[in-house]
Amino acid sequence: MTAAVTIENMKKADVTVLTIAKRVGEFRKRQRLSLDQLADRAGISKGALFALESGKGNPSIALLCQTASALRVSVSDLMDES
């Protein structure tokens, strides 16, 4: 059974994307990495990383996994709002 697309579910997705954006930036800055350094470490483009940190679009699972691995955290850590 698939979940219905509702305004509430869309809002939750937007909040999750913004949480991920914030957390990626926090982890990157805590590790004193530039956008270029993290993008290189993750094997992604600087543009993709910038979009992720800006909360633009819907990041793929692969992008989240690559970024989390490069930051040495879990994908769950990127989604944690605390």
Protein backbone atom coordinates (compact mmCIF):
# COMPACT_ATOMS: atom_id res chain seq x y z
CA MET A 1 0.00 0.00 0.00
CA THR A 2 1.45 3.39 -0.97
CA ALA A 3 1.13 6.48 1.15
CA ALA A 4 -1.07 9.20 -0.23
CA VAL A 5 0.67 12.43 -1.12
CA THR A 6 -0.77 15.02 1.22
CA ILE A 7 0.12 18.58 2.09
CA GLU A 8 1.18 17.35 5.54
CA ASN A 9 3.55 14.74 4.06
CA MET A 10 4.99 17.34 1.68
CA LYS A 11 5.63 19.72 4.60
CA LYS A 12 7.38 16.93 6.53
CA ALA A 13 9.59 16.24 3.50
CA ASP A 14 10.48 19.94 3.27
CA VAL A 15 11.39 20.02 6.97
CA THR A 16 13.54 16.91 6.53
CA VAL A 17 15.41 18.43 3.58
CA LEU A 18 16.04 21.61 5.58
CA THR A 19 17.20 19.57 8.59
CA ILE A 20 19.62 17.64 6.40
CA ALA A 21 20.90 20.90 4.88
CA LYS A 22 21.53 22.37 8.32
CA ARG A 23 23.18 19.24 9.69
CA VAL A 24 25.52 18.78 6.70
CA GLY A 25 26.68 22.37 7.13
CA GLU A 26 27.16 21.88 10.87
CA PHE A 27 29.19 18.69 10.46
CA ARG A 28 31.27 20.20 7.65
CA LYS A 29 32.10 23.33 9.62
CA ARG A 30 32.79 21.35 12.80
CA GLN A 31 35.35 19.33 10.83
CA ARG A 32 36.73 22.55 9.30
CA LEU A 33 36.15 21.37 5.76
CA SER A 34 35.52 23.67 2.83
CA LEU A 35 32.80 22.87 0.31
CA ASP A 36 35.54 21.83 -2.13
CA GLN A 37 37.20 19.53 0.40
CA LEU A 38 33.98 17.77 1.39
CA ALA A 39 32.80 17.47 -2.21
CA ASP A 40 36.14 15.91 -3.16
CA ARG A 41 36.06 13.55 -0.18
CA ALA A 42 32.47 12.52 -1.00
CA GLY A 43 33.12 12.15 -4.73
CA ILE A 44 30.37 14.61 -5.64
CA SER A 45 30.36 17.97 -7.36
CA LYS A 46 30.65 21.18 -5.39
CA GLY A 47 27.34 22.24 -6.95
CA ALA A 48 25.58 19.13 -5.65
CA LEU A 49 26.97 19.74 -2.17
CA PHE A 50 26.00 23.42 -2.31
CA ALA A 51 22.45 22.46 -3.32
CA LEU A 52 22.32 19.93 -0.47
CA GLU A 53 23.50 22.48 2.11
CA SER A 54 21.08 25.05 0.70
CA GLY A 55 18.09 22.71 1.06
CA LYS A 56 17.33 22.81 -2.64
CA GLY A 57 15.68 19.85 -4.32
CA ASN A 58 15.34 16.34 -3.01
CA PRO A 59 18.72 14.69 -2.44
CA SER A 60 19.07 11.10 -3.58
CA ILE A 61 19.84 8.31 -1.16
CA ALA A 62 23.19 7.86 -2.92
CA LEU A 63 24.08 11.54 -2.38
CA LEU A 64 23.13 11.32 1.30
CA CYS A 65 25.15 8.11 1.75
CA GLN A 66 28.22 9.57 0.03
CA THR A 67 28.03 12.79 2.04
CA ALA A 68 27.46 11.02 5.36
CA SER A 69 30.36 8.67 4.68
CA ALA A 70 32.66 11.57 3.82
CA LEU A 71 31.65 13.28 7.07
CA ARG A 72 32.12 10.00 8.97
CA VAL A 73 28.55 10.09 10.30
CA SER A 74 25.42 8.08 9.53
CA VAL A 75 22.59 9.20 7.27
CA SER A 76 20.45 9.09 10.41
CA ASP A 77 22.80 11.65 12.00
CA LEU A 78 22.09 13.97 9.08
CA MET A 79 18.35 13.65 9.66
CA ASP A 80 18.44 14.13 13.44
CA GLU A 81 16.89 17.46 14.40
CA SER A 82 18.58 17.72 17.79
